[in-house]
Structures are given as structure tokens and as C-alpha cells.
């Protein structure tokens, strides 16, 4: 999976977790969902972001524009 795909997936998942925090901040299910994300998904997303951040700014902009276009 490309770094861009990993980052899009992470962004979506974090949005879902934010929604859980809004509606059920102290729920055991919310806590487990957050722990599972940090344990299972965040390490890969962190690595993908580190590689993304190392790219030249213009490369990041070009790839982000292509990705937005592909997702619309």
C-alpha cells in the first residue's frame, strides 16, 4: 500500500475516533478503539508520515493533488 493510501486511511480512522470521543468519551468501546488504533495502525501511519514529510514540498503537493482528484 502506498504511503498516501496509508495516510488517507489513517485520517479517516482518526475522524471516526474523534466522532466516538464526541458521543461516548468514557465508553469502554471508545477506549478499546483508541488503544487498537494506537497499537495496530498508528505505527504504520507514523512511518508513512515520516517518509511523506521528507519529500520535497512540490512533490507532496503534486501527489496530494493527484490523490484528491482520484478520490473525487
N, C-alpha and C. Protein backbone atom coordinates (compact mmCIF):
# COMPACT_ATOMS: atom_id res chain seq x y z
N UNK A 1 0.85 -1.17 0.00
CA UNK A 1 0.00 0.00 0.00
C UNK A 1 0.90 1.24 0.00
N UNK A 2 0.55 2.23 -0.79
CA UNK A 2 1.35 3.45 -0.88
C UNK A 2 1.23 4.26 0.42
N UNK A 3 2.24 5.10 0.64
CA UNK A 3 2.19 5.97 1.82
C UNK A 3 0.95 6.85 1.79
N UNK A 4 0.61 7.34 0.61
CA UNK A 4 -0.57 8.20 0.50
C UNK A 4 -1.83 7.45 0.94
N UNK A 5 -1.96 6.21 0.52
CA UNK A 5 -3.13 5.41 0.90
C UNK A 5 -3.15 5.17 2.40
N UNK A 6 -2.00 4.89 2.98
CA UNK A 6 -1.90 4.69 4.43
C UNK A 6 -2.34 5.95 5.16
N UNK A 7 -1.89 7.11 4.68
CA UNK A 7 -2.23 8.37 5.34
C UNK A 7 -3.71 8.72 5.19
N UNK A 8 -4.29 8.44 4.03
CA UNK A 8 -5.72 8.68 3.85
C UNK A 8 -6.51 7.78 4.79
N UNK A 9 -6.12 6.54 4.87
CA UNK A 9 -6.80 5.60 5.75
C UNK A 9 -6.69 6.04 7.22
N UNK A 10 -5.49 6.49 7.59
CA UNK A 10 -5.29 6.96 8.97
C UNK A 10 -6.15 8.18 9.26
N UNK A 11 -6.23 9.09 8.31
CA UNK A 11 -7.04 10.29 8.51
C UNK A 11 -8.52 9.92 8.70
N UNK A 12 -8.99 9.01 7.89
CA UNK A 12 -10.39 8.58 8.03
C UNK A 12 -10.62 7.91 9.38
N UNK A 13 -9.71 7.05 9.76
CA UNK A 13 -9.85 6.33 11.03
C UNK A 13 -9.81 7.30 12.21
N UNK A 14 -8.93 8.28 12.14
CA UNK A 14 -8.86 9.27 13.22
C UNK A 14 -10.14 10.10 13.29
N UNK A 15 -10.76 10.36 12.14
CA UNK A 15 -12.05 11.05 12.14
C UNK A 15 -13.12 10.22 12.83
N UNK A 16 -13.08 8.91 12.58
CA UNK A 16 -14.04 8.02 13.25
C UNK A 16 -13.81 8.02 14.76
N UNK A 17 -12.54 7.99 15.16
CA UNK A 17 -12.23 8.00 16.59
C UNK A 17 -12.65 9.32 17.23
N UNK A 18 -12.47 10.42 16.52
CA UNK A 18 -12.90 11.73 17.04
C UNK A 18 -14.41 11.73 17.25
N UNK A 19 -15.15 11.14 16.32
CA UNK A 19 -16.61 11.07 16.46
C UNK A 19 -16.98 10.23 17.68
N UNK A 20 -16.27 9.13 17.90
CA UNK A 20 -16.54 8.31 19.08
C UNK A 20 -16.29 9.10 20.36
N UNK A 21 -15.23 9.89 20.36
CA UNK A 21 -14.93 10.70 21.55
C UNK A 21 -16.01 11.73 21.82
N UNK A 22 -16.66 12.20 20.78
CA UNK A 22 -17.73 13.19 20.96
C UNK A 22 -18.99 12.56 21.54
N UNK A 23 -19.32 11.36 21.08
CA UNK A 23 -20.60 10.76 21.50
C UNK A 23 -20.48 9.84 22.71
N UNK A 24 -19.30 9.25 22.91
CA UNK A 24 -19.15 8.32 24.02
C UNK A 24 -17.72 8.37 24.55
N UNK A 25 -17.33 9.51 25.13
CA UNK A 25 -15.92 9.69 25.51
C UNK A 25 -15.42 8.72 26.58
N UNK A 26 -16.29 8.22 27.42
CA UNK A 26 -15.85 7.36 28.51
C UNK A 26 -16.28 5.91 28.33
N UNK A 27 -16.72 5.58 27.14
CA UNK A 27 -17.16 4.23 26.86
C UNK A 27 -15.97 3.28 26.77
N UNK A 28 -16.11 2.08 27.32
CA UNK A 28 -15.04 1.09 27.16
C UNK A 28 -14.78 0.77 25.68
N UNK A 29 -15.82 0.83 24.86
CA UNK A 29 -15.64 0.58 23.43
C UNK A 29 -14.78 1.66 22.77
N UNK A 30 -14.99 2.91 23.18
CA UNK A 30 -14.19 4.01 22.65
C UNK A 30 -12.74 3.85 23.08
N UNK A 31 -12.55 3.52 24.33
CA UNK A 31 -11.19 3.32 24.83
C UNK A 31 -10.49 2.20 24.07
N UNK A 32 -11.18 1.10 23.85
CA UNK A 32 -10.58 -0.02 23.13
C UNK A 32 -10.30 0.34 21.67
N UNK A 33 -11.20 1.09 21.05
CA UNK A 33 -10.97 1.51 19.66
C UNK A 33 -9.72 2.38 19.56
N UNK A 34 -9.55 3.27 20.52
CA UNK A 34 -8.36 4.13 20.52
C UNK A 34 -7.09 3.32 20.77
N UNK A 35 -7.15 2.42 21.72
CA UNK A 35 -5.98 1.58 22.00
C UNK A 35 -5.63 0.70 20.79
N UNK A 36 -6.65 0.15 20.15
CA UNK A 36 -6.41 -0.69 18.98
C UNK A 36 -5.77 0.11 17.85
N UNK A 37 -6.25 1.33 17.64
CA UNK A 37 -5.66 2.17 16.61
C UNK A 37 -4.18 2.43 16.92
N UNK A 38 -3.90 2.83 18.14
CA UNK A 38 -2.52 3.13 18.52
C UNK A 38 -1.62 1.90 18.43
N UNK A 39 -2.16 0.76 18.75
CA UNK A 39 -1.38 -0.47 18.73
C UNK A 39 -1.20 -1.01 17.31
N UNK A 40 -2.28 -1.00 16.53
CA UNK A 40 -2.27 -1.72 15.26
C UNK A 40 -2.04 -0.86 14.02
N UNK A 41 -2.53 0.37 14.03
CA UNK A 41 -2.50 1.19 12.82
C UNK A 41 -1.54 2.36 12.88
N UNK A 42 -1.41 2.97 14.03
CA UNK A 42 -0.61 4.19 14.15
C UNK A 42 0.86 4.00 13.79
N UNK A 43 1.50 2.88 14.15
CA UNK A 43 2.93 2.76 13.79
C UNK A 43 3.17 2.85 12.28
N UNK A 44 2.35 2.21 11.50
CA UNK A 44 2.49 2.26 10.04
C UNK A 44 2.22 3.67 9.52
N UNK A 45 1.20 4.31 10.07
CA UNK A 45 0.87 5.67 9.64
C UNK A 45 1.99 6.64 10.03
N UNK A 46 2.57 6.44 11.19
CA UNK A 46 3.67 7.30 11.64
C UNK A 46 4.87 7.17 10.69
N UNK A 47 5.18 5.95 10.29
CA UNK A 47 6.29 5.73 9.36
C UNK A 47 5.99 6.34 8.00
N UNK A 48 4.76 6.16 7.52
CA UNK A 48 4.37 6.73 6.23
C UNK A 48 4.45 8.25 6.27
N UNK A 49 4.03 8.84 7.38
CA UNK A 49 4.09 10.30 7.50
C UNK A 49 5.53 10.78 7.53
N UNK A 50 6.40 10.07 8.20
CA UNK A 50 7.81 10.46 8.24
C UNK A 50 8.41 10.46 6.84
N UNK A 51 8.09 9.44 6.05
CA UNK A 51 8.59 9.40 4.66
C UNK A 51 7.99 10.53 3.85
N UNK A 52 6.69 10.77 4.03
CA UNK A 52 5.99 11.85 3.32
C UNK A 52 6.63 13.20 3.64
N UNK A 53 6.91 13.42 4.91
CA UNK A 53 7.48 14.70 5.34
C UNK A 53 8.88 14.94 4.76
N UNK A 54 9.59 13.88 4.43
CA UNK A 54 10.93 14.00 3.86
C UNK A 54 10.90 14.38 2.37
N UNK A 55 9.76 14.20 1.71
CA UNK A 55 9.67 14.55 0.30
C UNK A 55 9.73 16.06 0.11
N UNK A 56 10.24 16.49 -1.04
CA UNK A 56 10.20 17.94 -1.32
C UNK A 56 8.75 18.44 -1.34
N UNK A 57 8.57 19.67 -0.94
CA UNK A 57 7.21 20.23 -0.84
C UNK A 57 6.45 20.12 -2.15
N UNK A 58 7.08 20.40 -3.25
CA UNK A 58 6.38 20.35 -4.54
C UNK A 58 5.93 18.92 -4.86
N UNK A 59 6.72 17.94 -4.51
CA UNK A 59 6.34 16.54 -4.72
C UNK A 59 5.12 16.21 -3.88
N UNK A 60 5.11 16.66 -2.64
CA UNK A 60 3.95 16.42 -1.77
C UNK A 60 2.70 17.07 -2.35
N UNK A 61 2.83 18.29 -2.81
CA UNK A 61 1.67 18.99 -3.38
C UNK A 61 1.14 18.28 -4.61
N UNK A 62 2.04 17.86 -5.47
CA UNK A 62 1.63 17.16 -6.70
C UNK A 62 0.91 15.86 -6.37
N UNK A 63 1.50 15.09 -5.47
CA UNK A 63 0.87 13.81 -5.09
C UNK A 63 -0.47 14.02 -4.39
N UNK A 64 -0.54 15.02 -3.53
CA UNK A 64 -1.80 15.31 -2.84
C UNK A 64 -2.88 15.72 -3.83
N UNK A 65 -2.52 16.52 -4.82
CA UNK A 65 -3.49 16.95 -5.83
C UNK A 65 -3.99 15.75 -6.63
N UNK A 66 -3.07 14.87 -7.01
CA UNK A 66 -3.47 13.66 -7.75
C UNK A 66 -4.39 12.78 -6.91
N UNK A 67 -4.08 12.67 -5.64
CA UNK A 67 -4.89 11.85 -4.76
C UNK A 67 -6.28 12.44 -4.58
N UNK A 68 -6.36 13.75 -4.37
CA UNK A 68 -7.68 14.40 -4.26
C UNK A 68 -8.50 14.17 -5.51
N UNK A 69 -7.84 14.28 -6.66
CA UNK A 69 -8.53 14.07 -7.92
C UNK A 69 -9.04 12.63 -8.04
N UNK A 70 -8.23 11.69 -7.66
CA UNK A 70 -8.61 10.29 -7.74
C UNK A 70 -9.75 9.95 -6.77
N UNK A 71 -9.80 10.63 -5.65
CA UNK A 71 -10.83 10.34 -4.65
C UNK A 71 -12.14 11.09 -4.89
N UNK A 72 -12.12 12.04 -5.80
CA UNK A 72 -13.35 12.82 -6.02
C UNK A 72 -14.22 12.20 -7.11
